Amino acid sequence: MAVDAKLLKQIKHNDPKERRKAIVALADQRDLAAVKPLEDAAKGDAEPKLRELADRAAQHLRAQIEKASARAASPAAGYKGEEPTIRISEKQMARAREYLDEAMSMVVAKDNGKATKALAKALQTDPSLRADQYFLSLASSLFNTSNEEAIKKLMSGEERGQFIKAQEQGKVQKRKNEHQSKAREIGWSSAAFDLIIYAVVVGIITFLAPIVVAQLLARTVDYQQALTPEKYDAETIKVSRQLESVVDDFQNQSIGALLIVAVVNGVGSVGSMVVLCYLIHLFASKVLHGSGTMPFMMSQLVPFYSMMTPVFFIWACIVLGLISVGAGMIGLLCAPLMALASLVVLFKSAGKIGTAYDFGAAKGCMSLAVGTLVLSAASTLFSSLIFGTAINSALATMGLA
């Protein structure tokens, strides 16, 4: 039997979706002539997933043809039940065939749960399929049993449900195993590299911030002084002089002092990040029972913060620049957008934590919230203790305590 020329053309279509449809349709041809186009697609398709699908389809089709040939040579091995005398309409037969095609597609994609559901629907729609050799071959290979046992499982809601449940549990376990394997590939060396990049980014921004602010303040002073005489009143002169004083203070800061502050802030930011990630990991793994490692979570979260921190810094510089040249209203309009962007970053962070521990963005948001709150509370308590100790020492020095 010749393969449909339309399918041979469709399997080379530019649209991957059309090529996928052709692969599934060829797998349903039950003709040895369809194996060659599938093998060609398995070797030459541009999409790796479609190559894999075509390879599975070719192997499955070849296996089904061999089984059908074996049954034809030995009729006793086939289904021994009597053919049903129920009359099936053309519409029912067409619908059953659609379910059968869907089952074939799911078998090729190794989704046995959905394949079982589709086969059960096909049999319910067209009971005469129990005498169809292709249907029997597909069902028996799916359950890895005889034809009679496969029909029995498909017709029994309890047995079918148990099989589907076992398949779904197997998929979940496989996904968890793959996730754990991927998580274990990321070690502390990778996490340390990400933290170094984060420290460098924070340090550079800390170093540049006073310089940028000084320049913007200087521009603000120039703008104030360029006002028309009627607007350049005593209050404006006072504000300009105050700004000039602030600018002088910024510009008098030495490069060495700025470098020291930048290094200290970079190291401190890394310390805070490590503590935050540890708190998130504790809550995510111990309380929410997430499946992941701290280095893997850090590999998801820290580079994201390293990328977003400069974005917000540049955005803030643009807002301040607009304000410094008198476009204050435009600059203030950017504030709600920055707040919205902060929420987006929050949800993105939660999503990355959820991905790292394989439990979704909602639990990721909970983990991030708990970690942030605990870190903030600990920082506040630590600062209070330090501040209280400093006051008591000062009072004792002055003889007031």
Protein backbone atom coordinates (compact mmCIF):
# COMPACT_ATOMS: atom_id res chain seq x y z
CA MET A 1 0.00 0.00 0.00
CA ALA A 2 1.39 3.43 -0.96
CA VAL A 3 1.72 6.11 1.67
CA ASP A 4 -0.50 9.18 1.25
CA ALA A 5 1.45 11.73 -0.81
CA LYS A 6 -0.05 14.57 1.24
CA LEU A 7 1.56 13.16 4.39
CA LEU A 8 4.92 12.86 2.65
CA LYS A 9 4.67 16.53 1.73
CA GLN A 10 3.32 17.56 5.14
CA ILE A 11 6.18 15.88 7.01
CA LYS A 12 8.54 18.36 5.29
CA HIS A 13 6.32 21.39 6.03
CA ASN A 14 7.92 24.55 7.42
CA ASP A 15 5.53 24.58 10.39
CA PRO A 16 6.67 22.16 13.16
CA LYS A 17 3.03 21.63 14.20
CA GLU A 18 2.15 20.37 10.71
CA ARG A 19 5.17 18.06 10.71
CA ARG A 20 4.12 16.65 14.05
CA LYS A 21 0.62 15.92 12.73
CA ALA A 22 2.16 14.14 9.74
CA ILE A 23 4.38 12.00 11.99
CA VAL A 24 1.41 10.90 14.08
CA ALA A 25 -0.67 10.22 10.95
CA LEU A 26 2.11 8.16 9.38
CA ALA A 27 2.44 6.15 12.58
CA ASP A 28 -1.26 5.32 12.24
CA GLN A 29 -0.89 4.05 8.66
CA ARG A 30 -0.16 0.46 9.79
CA ASP A 31 1.88 0.11 6.64
CA LEU A 32 5.56 -0.78 6.43
CA ALA A 33 5.95 1.86 3.69
CA ALA A 34 5.39 4.56 6.34
CA VAL A 35 8.48 3.51 8.27
CA LYS A 36 10.98 5.00 5.78
CA PRO A 37 9.54 8.59 5.87
CA LEU A 38 9.50 8.42 9.66
CA GLU A 39 13.11 7.29 9.77
CA ASP A 40 14.07 10.12 7.40
CA ALA A 41 12.33 12.60 9.68
CA ALA A 42 14.07 11.08 12.70
CA LYS A 43 17.42 11.84 11.06
CA GLY A 44 16.77 15.11 9.26
CA ASP A 45 14.08 17.15 11.08
CA ALA A 46 15.28 20.50 12.38
CA GLU A 47 13.47 20.09 15.73
CA PRO A 48 15.10 17.68 18.24
CA LYS A 49 11.71 16.82 19.79
CA LEU A 50 10.24 15.98 16.40
CA ARG A 51 13.26 13.83 15.56
CA GLU A 52 12.71 11.91 18.77
CA LEU A 53 8.97 11.63 18.10
CA ALA A 54 9.58 10.34 14.55
CA ASP A 55 12.09 7.79 15.83
CA ARG A 56 9.64 6.50 18.44
CA ALA A 57 6.85 6.41 15.87
CA ALA A 58 8.98 4.38 13.42
CA GLN A 59 9.98 1.90 16.12
CA HIS A 60 6.41 1.58 17.38
CA LEU A 61 4.98 1.16 13.87
CA ARG A 62 7.54 -1.51 12.99
CA ALA A 63 6.76 -3.38 16.24
CA GLN A 64 2.99 -3.21 15.62
CA ILE A 65 3.37 -4.53 12.07
CA GLU A 66 5.51 -7.42 13.32
CA LYS A 67 2.96 -8.28 15.98
CA ALA A 68 0.10 -8.11 13.48
CA SER A 69 2.02 -10.41 11.13
CA ALA A 70 2.63 -12.87 13.95
CA ARG A 71 -1.03 -12.93 14.88
CA ALA A 72 -2.04 -13.41 11.26
CA ALA A 73 0.23 -16.44 11.07
CA SER A 74 -1.23 -17.81 14.32
CA PRO A 75 -4.94 -16.87 14.62
CA ALA A 76 -5.19 -18.67 17.94
CA ALA A 77 -3.08 -15.96 19.53
CA GLY A 78 -5.67 -13.32 18.71
CA TYR A 79 -8.73 -12.27 20.65
CA LYS A 80 -11.09 -15.22 20.93
CA GLY A 81 -14.30 -13.38 21.73
CA GLU A 82 -17.18 -13.19 19.28
CA GLU A 83 -17.54 -10.09 17.15
CA PRO A 84 -20.32 -7.85 18.48
CA THR A 85 -23.51 -7.63 16.52
CA ILE A 86 -24.14 -4.03 17.60
CA ARG A 87 -24.59 -1.72 14.65
CA ILE A 88 -22.18 1.21 14.65
CA SER A 89 -22.87 4.39 12.73
CA GLU A 90 -20.33 5.99 10.45
CA LYS A 91 -20.13 8.92 12.84
CA GLN A 92 -19.32 6.62 15.78
CA MET A 93 -16.68 4.80 13.75
CA ALA A 94 -15.06 8.09 12.74
CA ARG A 95 -15.10 9.30 16.33
CA ALA A 96 -13.60 6.02 17.56
CA ARG A 97 -10.89 6.33 14.92
CA GLU A 98 -10.05 9.81 16.24
CA TYR A 99 -9.69 8.38 19.74
CA LEU A 100 -7.50 5.62 18.33
CA ASP A 101 -5.28 8.15 16.56
CA GLU A 102 -5.02 10.12 19.79
CA ALA A 103 -4.04 6.96 21.66
CA MET A 104 -1.36 6.22 19.09
CA SER A 105 -0.01 9.75 19.46
CA MET A 106 0.11 9.40 23.24
CA VAL A 107 1.85 6.01 23.05
CA VAL A 108 4.50 7.51 20.77
CA ALA A 109 4.89 10.40 23.22
CA LYS A 110 5.18 7.86 26.09
CA ASP A 111 2.11 9.20 27.89
CA ASN A 112 0.50 5.86 28.71
CA GLY A 113 -2.11 7.36 31.03
CA LYS A 114 -3.68 9.51 28.33
CA ALA A 115 -3.28 6.69 25.81
CA THR A 116 -5.31 4.41 28.08
CA LYS A 117 -8.08 6.99 28.40
CA ALA A 118 -8.19 7.43 24.62
CA LEU A 119 -8.32 3.66 23.98
CA ALA A 120 -11.13 3.26 26.52
CA LYS A 121 -13.13 6.01 24.80
CA ALA A 122 -12.50 4.41 21.41
CA LEU A 123 -13.78 1.03 22.66
CA GLN A 124 -16.83 2.59 24.30
CA THR A 125 -17.63 4.48 21.11
CA ASP A 126 -17.10 1.50 18.81
CA PRO A 127 -17.27 -1.89 20.63
CA SER A 128 -16.42 -3.68 17.37
CA LEU A 129 -12.81 -2.53 17.84
CA ARG A 130 -12.30 -5.50 20.14
CA ALA A 131 -11.97 -7.55 16.96
CA ASP A 132 -9.68 -5.03 15.24
CA GLN A 133 -6.12 -6.34 15.12
CA TYR A 134 -4.53 -2.88 15.17
CA PHE A 135 -6.59 -1.87 18.22
CA LEU A 136 -5.75 -5.13 19.98
CA SER A 137 -2.08 -4.79 19.16
CA LEU A 138 -1.98 -1.24 20.53
CA ALA A 139 -3.90 -2.18 23.70
CA SER A 140 -1.87 -5.32 24.43
CA SER A 141 1.44 -3.50 23.94
CA LEU A 142 0.24 -0.68 26.19
CA PHE A 143 -0.67 -3.00 29.08
CA ASN A 144 1.99 -5.58 28.17
CA THR A 145 -0.62 -8.34 28.44
CA SER A 146 -2.64 -10.61 26.17
CA ASN A 147 -5.45 -9.23 24.01
CA GLU A 148 -8.15 -10.62 26.31
CA GLU A 149 -6.52 -9.14 29.40
CA ALA A 150 -6.07 -5.76 27.69
CA ILE A 151 -9.76 -5.63 26.73
CA LYS A 152 -10.69 -6.60 30.27
CA LYS A 153 -8.59 -3.78 31.73
CA LEU A 154 -10.04 -1.23 29.31
CA MET A 155 -13.61 -2.24 30.16
CA SER A 156 -13.03 -2.33 33.91
CA GLY A 157 -13.15 1.16 35.34
CA GLU A 158 -11.35 0.10 38.52
CA GLU A 159 -8.44 -1.68 36.81
CA ARG A 160 -8.15 1.06 34.20
CA GLY A 161 -8.12 3.70 36.92
CA GLN A 162 -5.40 1.87 38.86
CA PHE A 163 -3.26 1.60 35.75
CA ILE A 164 -3.71 5.29 34.90
CA LYS A 165 -2.93 6.27 38.50
CA ALA A 166 0.22 4.16 38.46
CA GLN A 167 1.30 5.77 35.19
CA GLU A 168 0.67 9.28 36.54
CA GLN A 169 2.61 8.51 39.71
CA GLY A 170 5.42 7.17 37.58
CA LYS A 171 5.48 10.41 35.56
CA VAL A 172 5.55 12.49 38.73
CA GLN A 173 8.34 10.40 40.20
CA LYS A 174 10.29 10.58 36.95
CA ARG A 175 9.91 14.36 36.88
CA LYS A 176 11.08 14.57 40.51
CA ASN A 177 14.07 12.37 39.78
CA GLU A 178 15.01 14.50 36.79
CA HIS A 179 14.61 17.67 38.87
CA GLN A 180 16.78 16.28 41.69
CA SER A 181 19.42 15.17 39.19
CA LYS A 182 19.46 18.65 37.64
CA ALA A 183 19.62 20.30 41.07
CA ARG A 184 22.57 18.17 42.15
CA GLU A 185 24.52 19.22 39.08
CA ILE A 186 24.80 22.76 40.54
CA GLY A 187 27.41 22.86 43.29
CA TRP A 188 28.73 25.49 45.65
CA SER A 189 31.44 26.56 43.22
CA SER A 190 28.77 27.76 40.79
CA ALA A 191 26.86 29.48 43.60
CA ALA A 192 30.06 31.19 44.78
CA PHE A 193 30.72 32.51 41.27
CA ASP A 194 27.17 33.95 41.12
CA LEU A 195 27.70 35.62 44.51
CA ILE A 196 30.98 37.18 43.33
CA ILE A 197 29.22 38.65 40.30
CA TYR A 198 26.48 39.98 42.58
CA ALA A 199 29.08 41.56 44.91
CA VAL A 200 30.82 43.23 41.96
CA VAL A 201 27.52 44.63 40.65
CA VAL A 202 26.54 46.01 44.06
CA GLY A 203 30.03 47.41 44.60
CA ILE A 204 30.09 49.20 41.23
CA ILE A 205 26.66 50.73 41.86
CA THR A 206 27.72 51.80 45.36
CA PHE A 207 30.82 53.45 43.88
CA LEU A 208 28.93 55.20 41.07
CA ALA A 209 25.90 56.33 43.07
CA PRO A 210 27.57 59.31 44.90
CA ILE A 211 29.25 60.45 41.67
CA VAL A 212 25.99 60.31 39.71
CA VAL A 213 24.07 62.05 42.50
CA ALA A 214 26.69 64.80 42.67
CA GLN A 215 26.41 65.40 38.93
CA LEU A 216 22.62 65.48 39.06
CA LEU A 217 22.66 67.88 42.00
CA ALA A 218 25.11 70.12 40.15
CA ARG A 219 22.77 70.13 37.17
CA THR A 220 19.89 71.01 39.49
CA VAL A 221 21.86 73.99 40.83
CA ASP A 222 22.62 75.16 37.30
CA TYR A 223 18.95 74.86 36.42
CA GLN A 224 17.92 76.88 39.46
CA GLN A 225 20.43 79.62 38.66
CA ALA A 226 19.24 79.78 35.08
CA LEU A 227 15.70 80.71 36.13
CA THR A 228 14.36 84.09 35.10
CA PRO A 229 14.91 86.89 37.67
CA GLU A 230 11.26 87.04 38.67
CA LYS A 231 11.37 83.34 39.61
CA TYR A 232 14.82 83.51 41.17
CA ASP A 233 13.60 84.72 44.57
CA ALA A 234 15.22 84.53 48.01
CA GLU A 235 13.84 81.06 48.72
CA THR A 236 15.23 79.73 45.44
CA ILE A 237 18.63 81.25 46.19
CA LYS A 238 18.60 79.58 49.61
CA VAL A 239 17.77 76.19 48.09
CA SER A 240 20.49 76.63 45.45
CA ARG A 241 23.12 77.38 48.07
CA GLN A 242 22.09 74.32 50.08
CA LEU A 243 22.37 72.17 46.96
CA GLU A 244 25.80 73.67 46.18
CA SER A 245 26.94 72.71 49.69
CA VAL A 246 25.71 69.15 49.24
CA VAL A 247 27.42 68.93 45.84
CA ASP A 248 30.70 70.13 47.34
CA ASP A 249 30.43 67.48 50.08
CA PHE A 250 29.91 64.74 47.46
CA GLN A 251 32.71 65.97 45.23
CA ASN A 252 35.13 66.22 48.14
CA GLN A 253 34.84 62.49 48.77
CA SER A 254 38.07 60.78 47.74
CA ILE A 255 38.13 57.86 45.31
CA GLY A 256 39.77 55.72 47.98
CA ALA A 257 36.94 56.32 50.44
CA LEU A 258 34.36 55.48 47.78
CA LEU A 259 36.20 52.26 46.93
CA ILE A 260 36.27 51.21 50.58
CA VAL A 261 32.54 51.87 50.95
CA ALA A 262 31.85 49.99 47.71
CA VAL A 263 33.83 46.93 48.84
CA VAL A 264 32.21 46.90 52.28
CA ASN A 265 28.73 47.25 50.81
CA GLY A 266 29.41 44.55 48.20
CA VAL A 267 30.63 42.09 50.83
CA GLY A 268 27.77 42.98 53.14
CA SER A 269 25.23 42.48 50.38
CA VAL A 270 26.64 39.02 49.67
CA GLY A 271 26.38 38.17 53.36
CA SER A 272 22.76 39.29 53.45
CA MET A 273 22.02 37.33 50.28
CA VAL A 274 23.54 34.14 51.69
CA VAL A 275 21.52 34.47 54.90
CA LEU A 276 18.33 35.17 52.94
CA CYS A 277 18.90 32.15 50.69
CA TYR A 278 19.59 29.96 53.72
CA LEU A 279 16.34 31.05 55.38
CA ILE A 280 14.43 30.44 52.14
CA HIS A 281 16.02 27.02 51.81
CA LEU A 282 15.13 26.04 55.37
CA PHE A 283 11.48 27.00 54.97
CA ALA A 284 11.16 25.55 51.45
CA SER A 285 12.81 22.22 52.23
CA LYS A 286 11.85 21.60 55.87
CA VAL A 287 8.39 23.16 56.10
CA LEU A 288 7.07 22.94 52.53
CA HIS A 289 9.04 19.76 51.75
CA GLY A 290 10.39 21.10 48.47
CA SER A 291 12.78 19.02 46.41
CA GLY A 292 15.88 21.08 45.74
CA THR A 293 19.23 22.24 47.01
CA MET A 294 20.40 25.62 48.24
CA PRO A 295 23.12 26.03 45.55
CA PHE A 296 20.56 25.24 42.83
CA MET A 297 18.12 27.80 44.25
CA MET A 298 20.91 30.39 44.46
CA SER A 299 21.84 29.70 40.83
CA GLN A 300 18.26 30.65 39.93
CA LEU A 301 17.87 33.68 42.21
CA VAL A 302 21.26 35.44 42.54
CA PRO A 303 21.94 36.00 38.79
CA PHE A 304 18.42 37.41 38.46
CA TYR A 305 19.13 39.96 41.19
CA SER A 306 22.52 40.72 39.61
CA MET A 307 20.68 41.62 36.41
CA MET A 308 17.80 43.58 37.95
CA THR A 309 19.87 45.68 40.38
CA PRO A 310 21.58 47.73 37.59
CA VAL A 311 18.22 48.08 35.81
CA PHE A 312 16.64 49.76 38.82
CA PHE A 313 19.74 51.89 39.38
CA ILE A 314 19.66 53.20 35.81
CA TRP A 315 15.92 53.75 36.08
CA ALA A 316 16.41 55.78 39.30
CA CYS A 317 19.13 57.85 37.60
CA ILE A 318 16.78 58.66 34.73
CA VAL A 319 14.05 59.76 37.17
CA LEU A 320 16.47 61.96 39.11
CA GLY A 321 17.83 63.36 35.84
CA LEU A 322 14.33 64.39 34.75
CA ILE A 323 13.71 66.05 38.10
CA SER A 324 17.04 67.90 37.94
CA VAL A 325 16.13 69.59 34.65
CA GLY A 326 12.67 70.66 35.75
CA ALA A 327 10.71 67.71 34.33
CA GLY A 328 9.64 66.69 37.81
CA MET A 329 6.12 65.65 36.85
CA ILE A 330 7.41 63.24 34.22
CA GLY A 331 9.92 61.85 36.70
CA LEU A 332 7.26 61.36 39.35
CA LEU A 333 5.07 59.51 36.86
CA CYS A 334 7.82 56.89 36.68
CA ALA A 335 7.36 56.09 40.38
CA PRO A 336 4.20 53.94 39.90
CA LEU A 337 5.95 52.12 37.06
CA MET A 338 8.91 51.38 39.34
CA ALA A 339 6.51 50.05 41.99
CA LEU A 340 4.88 47.82 39.38
CA ALA A 341 8.29 46.64 38.21
CA SER A 342 9.19 45.80 41.81
CA LEU A 343 6.10 43.59 42.04
CA VAL A 344 7.09 41.87 38.80
CA VAL A 345 10.56 41.20 40.22
CA LEU A 346 8.94 39.84 43.39
CA PHE A 347 6.74 37.40 41.48
CA LYS A 348 9.60 36.42 39.18
CA SER A 349 11.74 35.68 42.23
CA ALA A 350 8.94 33.58 43.72
CA GLY A 351 8.65 31.70 40.44
CA LYS A 352 12.37 30.96 40.39
CA ILE A 353 12.26 29.66 43.96
CA GLY A 354 9.24 27.53 43.04
CA THR A 355 11.15 26.14 40.08
CA ALA A 356 14.20 25.41 42.23
CA TYR A 357 12.16 23.37 44.71
CA ASP A 358 9.62 21.99 42.22
CA PHE A 359 6.53 23.22 44.07
CA GLY A 360 5.21 26.22 42.13
CA ALA A 361 5.25 30.01 42.44
CA ALA A 362 2.74 30.21 45.32
CA LYS A 363 4.96 28.27 47.72
CA GLY A 364 7.94 30.11 46.29
CA CYS A 365 6.28 33.38 47.29
CA MET A 366 5.65 32.03 50.79
CA SER A 367 9.29 30.97 51.13
CA LEU A 368 10.55 34.36 49.93
CA ALA A 369 8.17 36.23 52.26
CA VAL A 370 9.14 34.19 55.32
CA GLY A 371 12.86 34.45 54.55
CA THR A 372 12.64 38.23 54.05
CA LEU A 373 10.59 38.80 57.22
CA VAL A 374 12.94 36.72 59.38
CA LEU A 375 16.00 38.48 57.93
CA SER A 376 14.42 41.91 58.49
CA ALA A 377 13.46 41.03 62.06
CA ALA A 378 16.95 39.71 62.81
CA SER A 379 18.58 42.81 61.26
CA THR A 380 16.35 45.11 63.29
CA LEU A 381 17.09 43.24 66.50
CA PHE A 382 20.83 43.23 65.79
CA SER A 383 20.82 46.95 64.99
CA SER A 384 18.88 47.69 68.19
CA LEU A 385 21.36 45.74 70.28
CA ILE A 386 24.33 47.50 68.68
CA PHE A 387 22.65 50.91 69.03
CA GLY A 388 21.69 50.22 72.64
CA THR A 389 25.19 49.08 73.51
CA ALA A 390 26.68 52.20 71.92
CA ILE A 391 24.34 54.49 73.91
CA ASN A 392 25.09 52.73 77.17
CA SER A 393 28.84 52.98 76.53
CA ALA A 394 28.50 56.69 75.78
CA LEU A 395 26.47 57.30 78.94
CA ALA A 396 28.97 55.32 81.02
CA THR A 397 31.84 57.36 79.58
CA MET A 398 30.08 60.57 80.56
CA GLY A 399 29.32 59.20 84.02
CA LEU A 400 25.58 59.30 83.45
CA ALA A 401 24.95 55.58 83.70
